[in-house]
Amino acid sequence: MKKIEAIIRPEKLEEVKDALGKYGIRGMTVSQVVGCGLQKGRVGVYRGHEYSINLLPKIKVEIVVNDTKVQDVVDMISDVARTGAVGDGKIFIFPVENAIRIRTGEFQEEAL
């Protein structure tokens, strides 16, 4: 099993959720996060004074899938979330040792 963490633009969340749902992904965790990368923030103006906004709002989508689905899910998220502009986000993949469904006690892929 692998955990896929995707940091995406907030406006792309619904498209990503729809694509994952059509693929059969039943569970995900979505968090509002802030961060910076190549965008390095932006400059805002308030009452005539410039100020920098270093951390920009992003969405983190976390999904655990079995190993056979990882590349499909990564490709799907990449295709749907890509605008071609700086700030589209990143995808990280981590190994998952085990998963346990608390309600039933199921584990491994059955818990997903």
C-alpha atoms as a PDB file:
ATOM      1  CA  MET A   1       0.000   0.000   0.000  1.00  0.00           C
ATOM      2  CA  LYS A   2       1.050   3.570  -0.629  1.00  0.00           C
ATOM      3  CA  LYS A   3      -0.082   6.915   0.715  1.00  0.00           C
ATOM      4  CA  ILE A   4      -0.395   9.622  -1.915  1.00  0.00           C
ATOM      5  CA  GLU A   5      -0.297  13.225  -0.713  1.00  0.00           C
ATOM      6  CA  ALA A   6      -1.182  15.804  -3.316  1.00  0.00           C
ATOM      7  CA  ILE A   7      -0.818  19.531  -2.671  1.00  0.00           C
ATOM      8  CA  ILE A   8      -3.051  21.286  -5.202  1.00  0.00           C
ATOM      9  CA  ARG A   9      -4.667  24.624  -5.950  1.00  0.00           C
ATOM     10  CA  PRO A  10      -7.932  25.118  -3.995  1.00  0.00           C
ATOM     11  CA  GLU A  11      -9.929  25.706  -7.173  1.00  0.00           C
ATOM     12  CA  LYS A  12      -8.921  22.254  -8.492  1.00  0.00           C
ATOM     13  CA  LEU A  13     -10.292  20.269  -5.524  1.00  0.00           C
ATOM     14  CA  GLU A  14     -13.740  19.487  -6.958  1.00  0.00           C
ATOM     15  CA  GLU A  15     -12.286  18.325 -10.272  1.00  0.00           C
ATOM     16  CA  VAL A  16      -9.785  16.072  -8.490  1.00  0.00           C
ATOM     17  CA  LYS A  17     -12.493  14.649  -6.185  1.00  0.00           C
ATOM     18  CA  ASP A  18     -14.759  13.930  -9.161  1.00  0.00           C
ATOM     19  CA  ALA A  19     -11.992  12.188 -11.114  1.00  0.00           C
ATOM     20  CA  LEU A  20     -10.974  10.064  -8.123  1.00  0.00           C
ATOM     21  CA  GLY A  21     -14.608   9.161  -7.440  1.00  0.00           C
ATOM     22  CA  LYS A  22     -15.112   7.999 -11.028  1.00  0.00           C
ATOM     23  CA  TYR A  23     -11.987   5.834 -10.656  1.00  0.00           C
ATOM     24  CA  GLY A  24     -13.460   4.206  -7.552  1.00  0.00           C
ATOM     25  CA  ILE A  25     -11.498   5.905  -4.782  1.00  0.00           C
ATOM     26  CA  ARG A  26     -13.891   5.749  -1.827  1.00  0.00           C
ATOM     27  CA  GLY A  27     -11.930   7.526   0.876  1.00  0.00           C
ATOM     28  CA  MET A  28      -9.679  10.533   1.118  1.00  0.00           C
ATOM     29  CA  THR A  29      -8.665  13.157   3.626  1.00  0.00           C
ATOM     30  CA  VAL A  30      -8.725  16.803   2.544  1.00  0.00           C
ATOM     31  CA  SER A  31      -7.013  19.584   4.506  1.00  0.00           C
ATOM     32  CA  GLN A  32      -6.658  23.305   3.963  1.00  0.00           C
ATOM     33  CA  VAL A  33      -2.964  24.153   4.194  1.00  0.00           C
ATOM     34  CA  VAL A  34      -0.683  27.074   3.418  1.00  0.00           C
ATOM     35  CA  GLY A  35       2.776  26.957   1.913  1.00  0.00           C
ATOM     36  CA  CYS A  36       5.187  28.286  -0.625  1.00  0.00           C
ATOM     37  CA  GLY A  37       7.372  26.827  -3.302  1.00  0.00           C
ATOM     38  CA  LEU A  38       8.528  28.304  -6.575  1.00  0.00           C
ATOM     39  CA  GLN A  39       5.737  30.886  -6.362  1.00  0.00           C
ATOM     40  CA  LYS A  40       7.448  32.430  -3.330  1.00  0.00           C
ATOM     41  CA  GLY A  41       4.245  34.218  -2.445  1.00  0.00           C
ATOM     42  CA  ARG A  42       3.042  37.467  -3.934  1.00  0.00           C
ATOM     43  CA  VAL A  43       2.951  41.172  -3.143  1.00  0.00           C
ATOM     44  CA  GLY A  44      -0.308  42.740  -2.034  1.00  0.00           C
ATOM     45  CA  VAL A  45      -1.260  46.378  -1.625  1.00  0.00           C
ATOM     46  CA  TYR A  46      -3.351  47.603   1.299  1.00  0.00           C
ATOM     47  CA  ARG A  47      -4.107  51.315   1.688  1.00  0.00           C
ATOM     48  CA  GLY A  48      -1.244  52.200  -0.575  1.00  0.00           C
ATOM     49  CA  HIS A  49       1.358  50.091   1.238  1.00  0.00           C
ATOM     50  CA  GLU A  50       2.890  46.973  -0.247  1.00  0.00           C
ATOM     51  CA  TYR A  51       3.170  43.843   1.842  1.00  0.00           C
ATOM     52  CA  SER A  52       4.273  40.337   0.957  1.00  0.00           C
ATOM     53  CA  ILE A  53       2.113  37.257   1.278  1.00  0.00           C
ATOM     54  CA  ASN A  54       4.657  34.478   1.722  1.00  0.00           C
ATOM     55  CA  LEU A  55       2.345  31.548   2.370  1.00  0.00           C
ATOM     56  CA  LEU A  56      -0.388  30.808  -0.138  1.00  0.00           C
ATOM     57  CA  PRO A  57      -3.540  28.739   0.476  1.00  0.00           C
ATOM     58  CA  LYS A  58      -3.403  25.199  -0.906  1.00  0.00           C
ATOM     59  CA  ILE A  59      -5.345  21.965  -0.470  1.00  0.00           C
ATOM     60  CA  LYS A  60      -3.757  18.694   0.654  1.00  0.00           C
ATOM     61  CA  VAL A  61      -5.476  15.515  -0.507  1.00  0.00           C
ATOM     62  CA  GLU A  62      -4.350  12.288   1.178  1.00  0.00           C
ATOM     63  CA  ILE A  63      -5.248   8.885  -0.243  1.00  0.00           C
ATOM     64  CA  VAL A  64      -4.077   5.364   0.578  1.00  0.00           C
ATOM     65  CA  VAL A  65      -4.276   2.875  -2.306  1.00  0.00           C
ATOM     66  CA  ASN A  66      -2.900  -0.540  -3.088  1.00  0.00           C
ATOM     67  CA  ASP A  67       0.331  -0.614  -5.072  1.00  0.00           C
ATOM     68  CA  THR A  68      -1.345  -1.486  -8.380  1.00  0.00           C
ATOM     69  CA  LYS A  69      -3.368   1.766  -8.409  1.00  0.00           C
ATOM     70  CA  VAL A  70      -0.605   4.224  -7.497  1.00  0.00           C
ATOM     71  CA  GLN A  71       0.463   5.219 -11.014  1.00  0.00           C
ATOM     72  CA  ASP A  72      -3.132   5.575 -12.236  1.00  0.00           C
ATOM     73  CA  VAL A  73      -4.054   7.822  -9.288  1.00  0.00           C
ATOM     74  CA  VAL A  74      -0.894   9.936  -9.656  1.00  0.00           C
ATOM     75  CA  ASP A  75      -1.496  10.358 -13.396  1.00  0.00           C
ATOM     76  CA  MET A  76      -5.127  11.278 -12.777  1.00  0.00           C
ATOM     77  CA  ILE A  77      -4.322  13.911 -10.148  1.00  0.00           C
ATOM     78  CA  SER A  78      -1.515  15.335 -12.292  1.00  0.00           C
ATOM     79  CA  ASP A  79      -3.706  15.624 -15.367  1.00  0.00           C
ATOM     80  CA  VAL A  80      -6.692  17.167 -13.581  1.00  0.00           C
ATOM     81  CA  ALA A  81      -4.783  19.568 -11.304  1.00  0.00           C
ATOM     82  CA  ARG A  82      -2.344  20.843 -13.952  1.00  0.00           C
ATOM     83  CA  THR A  83      -2.817  24.395 -15.222  1.00  0.00           C
ATOM     84  CA  GLY A  84       0.710  24.773 -16.564  1.00  0.00           C
ATOM     85  CA  ALA A  85       1.468  27.696 -14.261  1.00  0.00           C
ATOM     86  CA  VAL A  86       3.829  27.898 -11.306  1.00  0.00           C
ATOM     87  CA  GLY A  87       1.999  26.833  -8.151  1.00  0.00           C
ATOM     88  CA  ASP A  88       0.144  23.789  -9.506  1.00  0.00           C
ATOM     89  CA  GLY A  89       1.461  21.755  -6.574  1.00  0.00           C
ATOM     90  CA  LYS A  90       3.315  18.557  -5.752  1.00  0.00           C
ATOM     91  CA  ILE A  91       2.561  14.869  -5.252  1.00  0.00           C
ATOM     92  CA  PHE A  92       4.374  12.758  -2.661  1.00  0.00           C
ATOM     93  CA  ILE A  93       4.212   8.971  -2.329  1.00  0.00           C
ATOM     94  CA  PHE A  94       4.945   7.138   0.937  1.00  0.00           C
ATOM     95  CA  PRO A  95       4.955   3.446   1.823  1.00  0.00           C
ATOM     96  CA  VAL A  96       2.187   2.344   4.224  1.00  0.00           C
ATOM     97  CA  GLU A  97       2.939  -0.600   6.455  1.00  0.00           C
ATOM     98  CA  ASN A  98      -0.617  -1.352   7.525  1.00  0.00           C
ATOM     99  CA  ALA A  99      -4.135   0.067   7.675  1.00  0.00           C
ATOM    100  CA  ILE A 100      -6.832  -0.907  10.156  1.00  0.00           C
ATOM    101  CA  ARG A 101     -10.528  -0.096   9.993  1.00  0.00           C
ATOM    102  CA  ILE A 102     -11.436   0.676  13.603  1.00  0.00           C
ATOM    103  CA  ARG A 103     -15.121  -0.271  13.286  1.00  0.00           C
ATOM    104  CA  THR A 104     -14.581  -3.811  11.944  1.00  0.00           C
ATOM    105  CA  GLY A 105     -10.960  -4.629  12.713  1.00  0.00           C
ATOM    106  CA  GLU A 106     -10.235  -5.269   9.030  1.00  0.00           C
ATOM    107  CA  PHE A 107      -6.676  -4.594   7.986  1.00  0.00           C
ATOM    108  CA  GLN A 108      -4.448  -4.127   4.933  1.00  0.00           C
ATOM    109  CA  GLU A 109      -6.338  -3.542   1.633  1.00  0.00           C
ATOM    110  CA  GLU A 110      -9.641  -4.690   3.167  1.00  0.00           C
ATOM    111  CA  ALA A 111      -9.504  -1.659   5.474  1.00  0.00           C
ATOM    112  CA  LEU A 112      -9.328   0.761   2.592  1.00  0.00           C
END
